[in-house]
């Protein structure tokens, strides 16, 4: 029985990570630059991930306005989740309840707690195309996915500024290419003279190879 419970727990953890990864990828999308095929694929994925959402008719103007609004809510949620304070609450209203779940960062992990209800106006002050009920529901969904994970599970790459998931708390970049670009630019900024000398040598070498050597043949 213990082995079975362990397997179920591991499967649930993988599904949690997979679902969270989808929302991360959605937050990073450039919706206005998607090809027709990518839009069709995204529509299928959205329908699967957000089954209980009342979505506008697919391919309509309203549908993509909704997608943009959906993305803004998700981006704001992740932006809040990567902030530095050791204890941080993300207030999320639960519909038809005198209490609501709040996501806290505490003791190195995200944890959901139930707190007393607060007025809707204190949660969302601006009007958007996406209904307030949908925003609250989405925040609850994302909080459930983060619940129990390390508070450094969601990171924002300082180079490309995209969100990414990591099981390593010290990982700062989404990939090695971004890390190389960031560190190279930092090195050039801190070592201007040495960098300029190297660039001069490189330019001289290229000049010799392209101009001087061919003329001798």
C-alpha atoms as a PDB file:
ATOM      1  CA  UNK A   1       0.000   0.000   0.000  1.00  0.00           C
ATOM      2  CA  UNK A   2       2.865   2.357   0.829  1.00  0.00           C
ATOM      3  CA  UNK A   3       4.398   1.791  -2.603  1.00  0.00           C
ATOM      4  CA  UNK A   4       1.044   2.476  -4.274  1.00  0.00           C
ATOM      5  CA  UNK A   5       0.578   5.698  -2.307  1.00  0.00           C
ATOM      6  CA  UNK A   6       4.077   6.750  -3.255  1.00  0.00           C
ATOM      7  CA  UNK A   7       3.406   6.105  -6.955  1.00  0.00           C
ATOM      8  CA  UNK A   8       0.147   8.075  -6.804  1.00  0.00           C
ATOM      9  CA  UNK A   9       1.938  10.966  -5.104  1.00  0.00           C
ATOM     10  CA  UNK A  10       4.708  10.972  -7.720  1.00  0.00           C
ATOM     11  CA  UNK A  11       2.205  10.885 -10.599  1.00  0.00           C
ATOM     12  CA  UNK A  12       0.245  13.777  -9.043  1.00  0.00           C
ATOM     13  CA  UNK A  13       3.471  15.771  -8.608  1.00  0.00           C
ATOM     14  CA  UNK A  14       4.390  15.214 -12.283  1.00  0.00           C
ATOM     15  CA  UNK A  15       0.929  16.315 -13.417  1.00  0.00           C
ATOM     16  CA  UNK A  16       1.168  19.389 -11.172  1.00  0.00           C
ATOM     17  CA  UNK A  17       4.556  20.291 -12.686  1.00  0.00           C
ATOM     18  CA  UNK A  18       3.302  19.641 -16.238  1.00  0.00           C
ATOM     19  CA  UNK A  19       0.234  21.847 -15.748  1.00  0.00           C
ATOM     20  CA  UNK A  20       2.314  24.630 -14.210  1.00  0.00           C
ATOM     21  CA  UNK A  21       4.770  24.384 -17.122  1.00  0.00           C
ATOM     22  CA  UNK A  22       1.889  24.946 -19.561  1.00  0.00           C
ATOM     23  CA  UNK A  23       0.832  28.158 -17.808  1.00  0.00           C
ATOM     24  CA  UNK A  24       4.469  29.317 -17.782  1.00  0.00           C
ATOM     25  CA  UNK A  25       4.748  28.742 -21.537  1.00  0.00           C
ATOM     26  CA  UNK A  26       1.431  30.503 -22.124  1.00  0.00           C
ATOM     27  CA  UNK A  27       2.641  33.528 -20.124  1.00  0.00           C
ATOM     28  CA  UNK A  28       5.743  33.721 -22.366  1.00  0.00           C
ATOM     29  CA  UNK A  29       3.894  33.527 -25.698  1.00  0.00           C
ATOM     30  CA  UNK A  30       3.839  36.404 -28.177  1.00  0.00           C
ATOM     31  CA  UNK A  31       0.149  36.028 -28.998  1.00  0.00           C
ATOM     32  CA  UNK A  32       0.097  38.611 -31.796  1.00  0.00           C
ATOM     33  CA  UNK A  33       2.920  36.838 -33.656  1.00  0.00           C
ATOM     34  CA  UNK A  34       1.496  33.312 -33.611  1.00  0.00           C
ATOM     35  CA  UNK A  35       1.125  31.472 -36.922  1.00  0.00           C
ATOM     36  CA  UNK A  36      -2.263  30.063 -37.907  1.00  0.00           C
ATOM     37  CA  UNK A  37      -1.258  26.520 -36.979  1.00  0.00           C
ATOM     38  CA  UNK A  38       0.089  27.622 -33.593  1.00  0.00           C
ATOM     39  CA  UNK A  39      -3.156  29.465 -32.877  1.00  0.00           C
ATOM     40  CA  UNK A  40      -5.161  26.331 -33.628  1.00  0.00           C
ATOM     41  CA  UNK A  41      -2.916  24.257 -31.354  1.00  0.00           C
ATOM     42  CA  UNK A  42      -3.200  26.837 -28.561  1.00  0.00           C
ATOM     43  CA  UNK A  43      -7.001  26.853 -28.827  1.00  0.00           C
ATOM     44  CA  UNK A  44      -7.065  23.076 -28.298  1.00  0.00           C
ATOM     45  CA  UNK A  45      -4.725  23.347 -25.296  1.00  0.00           C
ATOM     46  CA  UNK A  46      -6.712  26.202 -23.722  1.00  0.00           C
ATOM     47  CA  UNK A  47      -9.937  24.222 -24.074  1.00  0.00           C
ATOM     48  CA  UNK A  48      -8.250  21.284 -22.316  1.00  0.00           C
ATOM     49  CA  UNK A  49      -6.622  23.290 -19.502  1.00  0.00           C
ATOM     50  CA  UNK A  50      -9.556  25.615 -18.858  1.00  0.00           C
ATOM     51  CA  UNK A  51     -12.520  23.297 -19.273  1.00  0.00           C
ATOM     52  CA  UNK A  52     -14.645  25.076 -16.681  1.00  0.00           C
ATOM     53  CA  UNK A  53     -14.099  28.556 -18.173  1.00  0.00           C
ATOM     54  CA  UNK A  54     -16.741  30.195 -20.336  1.00  0.00           C
ATOM     55  CA  UNK A  55     -14.657  31.001 -23.402  1.00  0.00           C
ATOM     56  CA  UNK A  56     -15.817  33.145 -26.363  1.00  0.00           C
ATOM     57  CA  UNK A  57     -16.298  31.511 -29.746  1.00  0.00           C
ATOM     58  CA  UNK A  58     -13.005  30.318 -31.219  1.00  0.00           C
ATOM     59  CA  UNK A  59     -11.354  32.381 -33.988  1.00  0.00           C
ATOM     60  CA  UNK A  60     -13.504  35.389 -33.109  1.00  0.00           C
ATOM     61  CA  UNK A  61     -12.066  38.805 -32.249  1.00  0.00           C
ATOM     62  CA  UNK A  62     -13.495  38.450 -28.736  1.00  0.00           C
ATOM     63  CA  UNK A  63     -11.696  35.108 -28.279  1.00  0.00           C
ATOM     64  CA  UNK A  64      -8.224  36.603 -28.808  1.00  0.00           C
ATOM     65  CA  UNK A  65      -9.065  39.611 -26.666  1.00  0.00           C
ATOM     66  CA  UNK A  66      -9.933  37.087 -23.957  1.00  0.00           C
ATOM     67  CA  UNK A  67      -6.628  35.253 -24.536  1.00  0.00           C
ATOM     68  CA  UNK A  68      -4.687  38.500 -24.111  1.00  0.00           C
ATOM     69  CA  UNK A  69      -6.547  39.286 -20.911  1.00  0.00           C
ATOM     70  CA  UNK A  70      -5.992  35.746 -19.679  1.00  0.00           C
ATOM     71  CA  UNK A  71      -2.273  36.103 -20.347  1.00  0.00           C
ATOM     72  CA  UNK A  72      -2.101  39.407 -18.433  1.00  0.00           C
ATOM     73  CA  UNK A  73      -3.672  37.803 -15.347  1.00  0.00           C
ATOM     74  CA  UNK A  74      -1.240  34.865 -15.515  1.00  0.00           C
ATOM     75  CA  UNK A  75       1.776  37.152 -16.034  1.00  0.00           C
ATOM     76  CA  UNK A  76       0.775  39.290 -13.056  1.00  0.00           C
ATOM     77  CA  UNK A  77       0.407  36.184 -10.895  1.00  0.00           C
ATOM     78  CA  UNK A  78       3.875  34.923 -11.787  1.00  0.00           C
ATOM     79  CA  UNK A  79       5.347  38.420 -11.403  1.00  0.00           C
ATOM     80  CA  UNK A  80       4.009  38.459  -7.832  1.00  0.00           C
ATOM     81  CA  UNK A  81       5.285  34.945  -7.166  1.00  0.00           C
ATOM     82  CA  UNK A  82       8.907  35.802  -8.012  1.00  0.00           C
ATOM     83  CA  UNK A  83       9.109  38.820  -5.687  1.00  0.00           C
ATOM     84  CA  UNK A  84      11.754  38.761  -2.991  1.00  0.00           C
ATOM     85  CA  UNK A  85       9.985  39.136   0.430  1.00  0.00           C
ATOM     86  CA  UNK A  86      10.323  36.067   2.670  1.00  0.00           C
ATOM     87  CA  UNK A  87       6.607  36.134   3.491  1.00  0.00           C
ATOM     88  CA  UNK A  88       4.279  37.279   0.739  1.00  0.00           C
ATOM     89  CA  UNK A  89       0.537  36.730   0.324  1.00  0.00           C
ATOM     90  CA  UNK A  90      -1.266  36.675  -2.986  1.00  0.00           C
ATOM     91  CA  UNK A  91      -4.914  37.353  -2.210  1.00  0.00           C
ATOM     92  CA  UNK A  92      -7.266  35.190  -4.190  1.00  0.00           C
ATOM     93  CA  UNK A  93     -10.997  35.361  -3.710  1.00  0.00           C
ATOM     94  CA  UNK A  94     -12.972  32.117  -3.673  1.00  0.00           C
ATOM     95  CA  UNK A  95     -16.485  32.438  -5.068  1.00  0.00           C
ATOM     96  CA  UNK A  96     -19.477  31.878  -2.718  1.00  0.00           C
ATOM     97  CA  UNK A  97     -17.351  31.661   0.418  1.00  0.00           C
ATOM     98  CA  UNK A  98     -16.826  33.819   3.534  1.00  0.00           C
ATOM     99  CA  UNK A  99     -13.169  32.719   3.475  1.00  0.00           C
ATOM    100  CA  UNK A 100     -10.701  32.760   0.629  1.00  0.00           C
ATOM    101  CA  UNK A 101      -7.399  31.008  -0.082  1.00  0.00           C
ATOM    102  CA  UNK A 102      -4.239  33.097   0.094  1.00  0.00           C
ATOM    103  CA  UNK A 103      -0.904  31.904  -1.246  1.00  0.00           C
ATOM    104  CA  UNK A 104       1.982  32.573   1.134  1.00  0.00           C
ATOM    105  CA  UNK A 105       5.718  32.278   0.662  1.00  0.00           C
ATOM    106  CA  UNK A 106       7.040  30.945   3.966  1.00  0.00           C
ATOM    107  CA  UNK A 107       9.898  28.671   5.115  1.00  0.00           C
ATOM    108  CA  UNK A 108      11.124  28.262   1.553  1.00  0.00           C
ATOM    109  CA  UNK A 109       7.811  26.984   0.151  1.00  0.00           C
ATOM    110  CA  UNK A 110       4.487  28.188  -1.204  1.00  0.00           C
ATOM    111  CA  UNK A 111       1.583  27.389   1.135  1.00  0.00           C
ATOM    112  CA  UNK A 112      -2.152  28.007   0.826  1.00  0.00           C
ATOM    113  CA  UNK A 113      -4.049  29.261   3.865  1.00  0.00           C
ATOM    114  CA  UNK A 114      -7.660  30.289   4.351  1.00  0.00           C
ATOM    115  CA  UNK A 115      -8.192  33.894   5.418  1.00  0.00           C
ATOM    116  CA  UNK A 116     -11.244  36.101   6.003  1.00  0.00           C
ATOM    117  CA  UNK A 117     -13.017  37.506   3.009  1.00  0.00           C
ATOM    118  CA  UNK A 118     -12.213  41.000   1.724  1.00  0.00           C
ATOM    119  CA  UNK A 119     -14.237  43.302  -0.570  1.00  0.00           C
ATOM    120  CA  UNK A 120     -13.945  42.649  -4.289  1.00  0.00           C
ATOM    121  CA  UNK A 121     -12.889  46.259  -4.880  1.00  0.00           C
ATOM    122  CA  UNK A 122      -9.692  45.693  -2.918  1.00  0.00           C
ATOM    123  CA  UNK A 123      -8.702  42.822  -5.177  1.00  0.00           C
ATOM    124  CA  UNK A 124      -9.316  44.165  -8.691  1.00  0.00           C
ATOM    125  CA  UNK A 125      -9.827  47.882  -9.224  1.00  0.00           C
ATOM    126  CA  UNK A 126      -9.548  48.121 -13.005  1.00  0.00           C
ATOM    127  CA  UNK A 127     -12.076  46.861 -15.531  1.00  0.00           C
ATOM    128  CA  UNK A 128     -10.990  44.244 -18.056  1.00  0.00           C
ATOM    129  CA  UNK A 129     -12.584  42.219 -20.801  1.00  0.00           C
ATOM    130  CA  UNK A 130     -12.157  39.071 -18.706  1.00  0.00           C
ATOM    131  CA  UNK A 131     -14.851  38.809 -15.962  1.00  0.00           C
ATOM    132  CA  UNK A 132     -13.688  39.295 -12.369  1.00  0.00           C
ATOM    133  CA  UNK A 133     -15.066  35.863 -11.522  1.00  0.00           C
ATOM    134  CA  UNK A 134     -12.771  34.322 -14.134  1.00  0.00           C
ATOM    135  CA  UNK A 135      -9.722  36.144 -12.750  1.00  0.00           C
ATOM    136  CA  UNK A 136     -10.371  34.932  -9.235  1.00  0.00           C
ATOM    137  CA  UNK A 137     -10.930  31.392 -10.444  1.00  0.00           C
ATOM    138  CA  UNK A 138      -7.683  31.475 -12.434  1.00  0.00           C
ATOM    139  CA  UNK A 139      -5.698  32.787  -9.459  1.00  0.00           C
ATOM    140  CA  UNK A 140      -7.053  29.939  -7.322  1.00  0.00           C
ATOM    141  CA  UNK A 141      -6.069  27.407 -10.009  1.00  0.00           C
ATOM    142  CA  UNK A 142      -2.507  28.741 -10.197  1.00  0.00           C
ATOM    143  CA  UNK A 143      -2.202  28.869  -6.407  1.00  0.00           C
ATOM    144  CA  UNK A 144      -3.189  25.213  -6.177  1.00  0.00           C
ATOM    145  CA  UNK A 145      -0.452  24.359  -8.690  1.00  0.00           C
ATOM    146  CA  UNK A 146       2.190  26.243  -6.674  1.00  0.00           C
ATOM    147  CA  UNK A 147       1.023  24.932  -3.317  1.00  0.00           C
ATOM    148  CA  UNK A 148       3.759  22.887  -1.625  1.00  0.00           C
ATOM    149  CA  UNK A 149       6.458  23.746  -4.186  1.00  0.00           C
ATOM    150  CA  UNK A 150       9.665  25.602  -3.401  1.00  0.00           C
ATOM    151  CA  UNK A 151       9.178  29.378  -3.403  1.00  0.00           C
ATOM    152  CA  UNK A 152      11.922  29.547  -6.036  1.00  0.00           C
ATOM    153  CA  UNK A 153      10.176  27.106  -8.387  1.00  0.00           C
ATOM    154  CA  UNK A 154       9.102  29.970 -10.662  1.00  0.00           C
ATOM    155  CA  UNK A 155      11.936  32.178 -11.880  1.00  0.00           C
ATOM    156  CA  UNK A 156      12.248  35.066 -14.347  1.00  0.00           C
ATOM    157  CA  UNK A 157      15.295  35.042 -16.587  1.00  0.00           C
ATOM    158  CA  UNK A 158      17.251  38.329 -16.237  1.00  0.00           C
ATOM    159  CA  UNK A 159      18.358  38.063 -19.880  1.00  0.00           C
ATOM    160  CA  UNK A 160      15.256  37.241 -21.978  1.00  0.00           C
ATOM    161  CA  UNK A 161      12.786  38.196 -19.194  1.00  0.00           C
ATOM    162  CA  UNK A 162      10.736  35.046 -19.681  1.00  0.00           C
ATOM    163  CA  UNK A 163       9.400  32.912 -16.831  1.00  0.00           C
ATOM    164  CA  UNK A 164      10.654  29.366 -16.316  1.00  0.00           C
ATOM    165  CA  UNK A 165      10.313  26.490 -13.856  1.00  0.00           C
ATOM    166  CA  UNK A 166      13.273  25.163 -11.938  1.00  0.00           C
ATOM    167  CA  UNK A 167      13.787  22.553  -9.244  1.00  0.00           C
ATOM    168  CA  UNK A 168      17.118  24.250  -8.408  1.00  0.00           C
ATOM    169  CA  UNK A 169      16.864  27.316  -6.165  1.00  0.00           C
ATOM    170  CA  UNK A 170      20.192  28.753  -7.397  1.00  0.00           C
ATOM    171  CA  UNK A 171      19.324  28.575 -11.091  1.00  0.00           C
ATOM    172  CA  UNK A 172      18.938  32.137 -12.403  1.00  0.00           C
ATOM    173  CA  UNK A 173      18.705  31.682 -16.179  1.00  0.00           C
ATOM    174  CA  UNK A 174      16.278  29.743 -18.351  1.00  0.00           C
ATOM    175  CA  UNK A 175      19.102  28.204 -20.421  1.00  0.00           C
ATOM    176  CA  UNK A 176      22.865  28.273 -20.975  1.00  0.00           C
ATOM    177  CA  UNK A 177      22.587  30.670 -23.938  1.00  0.00           C
ATOM    178  CA  UNK A 178      20.932  33.366 -21.810  1.00  0.00           C
ATOM    179  CA  UNK A 179      23.484  32.812 -19.039  1.00  0.00           C
ATOM    180  CA  UNK A 180      26.364  33.215 -21.534  1.00  0.00           C
ATOM    181  CA  UNK A 181      24.900  36.412 -23.042  1.00  0.00           C
ATOM    182  CA  UNK A 182      24.234  37.966 -19.637  1.00  0.00           C
ATOM    183  CA  UNK A 183      27.653  37.113 -18.190  1.00  0.00           C
ATOM    184  CA  UNK A 184      29.482  38.141 -21.392  1.00  0.00           C
ATOM    185  CA  UNK A 185      27.832  41.550 -21.384  1.00  0.00           C
ATOM    186  CA  UNK A 186      28.609  41.933 -17.683  1.00  0.00           C
ATOM    187  CA  UNK A 187      32.259  41.012 -18.283  1.00  0.00           C
ATOM    188  CA  UNK A 188      32.564  43.508 -21.177  1.00  0.00           C
ATOM    189  CA  UNK A 189      31.059  46.228 -19.007  1.00  0.00           C
ATOM    190  CA  UNK A 190      33.499  45.548 -16.149  1.00  0.00           C
ATOM    191  CA  UNK A 191      36.550  45.018 -18.377  1.00  0.00           C
ATOM    192  CA  UNK A 192      36.222  47.627 -21.111  1.00  0.00           C
ATOM    193  CA  UNK A 193      39.938  48.125 -21.798  1.00  0.00           C
ATOM    194  CA  UNK A 194      40.723  44.419 -22.034  1.00  0.00           C
ATOM    195  CA  UNK A 195      37.661  43.873 -24.230  1.00  0.00           C
ATOM    196  CA  UNK A 196      38.617  46.725 -26.577  1.00  0.00           C
ATOM    197  CA  UNK A 197      42.158  45.318 -26.933  1.00  0.00           C
ATOM    198  CA  UNK A 198      40.783  41.885 -27.820  1.00  0.00           C
ATOM    199  CA  UNK A 199      38.403  43.417 -30.361  1.00  0.00           C
ATOM    200  CA  UNK A 200      41.289  45.278 -32.018  1.00  0.00           C
ATOM    201  CA  UNK A 201      43.251  42.017 -32.379  1.00  0.00           C
ATOM    202  CA  UNK A 202      40.218  40.262 -33.822  1.00  0.00           C
ATOM    203  CA  UNK A 203      39.608  43.050 -36.358  1.00  0.00           C
ATOM    204  CA  UNK A 204      43.288  43.042 -37.424  1.00  0.00           C
ATOM    205  CA  UNK A 205      43.190  39.290 -37.913  1.00  0.00           C
ATOM    206  CA  UNK A 206      40.018  39.521 -40.020  1.00  0.00           C
ATOM    207  CA  UNK A 207      41.518  42.307 -42.097  1.00  0.00           C
ATOM    208  CA  UNK A 208      44.612  40.212 -42.812  1.00  0.00           C
ATOM    209  CA  UNK A 209      42.571  37.156 -43.764  1.00  0.00           C
ATOM    210  CA  UNK A 210      40.125  39.020 -46.022  1.00  0.00           C
ATOM    211  CA  UNK A 211      42.279  41.766 -47.564  1.00  0.00           C
ATOM    212  CA  UNK A 212      46.026  41.251 -47.255  1.00  0.00           C
ATOM    213  CA  UNK A 213      46.421  37.494 -47.719  1.00  0.00           C
ATOM    214  CA  UNK A 214      44.134  37.155 -50.817  1.00  0.00           C
ATOM    215  CA  UNK A 215      46.053  39.977 -52.565  1.00  0.00           C
ATOM    216  CA  UNK A 216      49.345  38.069 -52.195  1.00  0.00           C
ATOM    217  CA  UNK A 217      48.072  35.055 -54.077  1.00  0.00           C
END
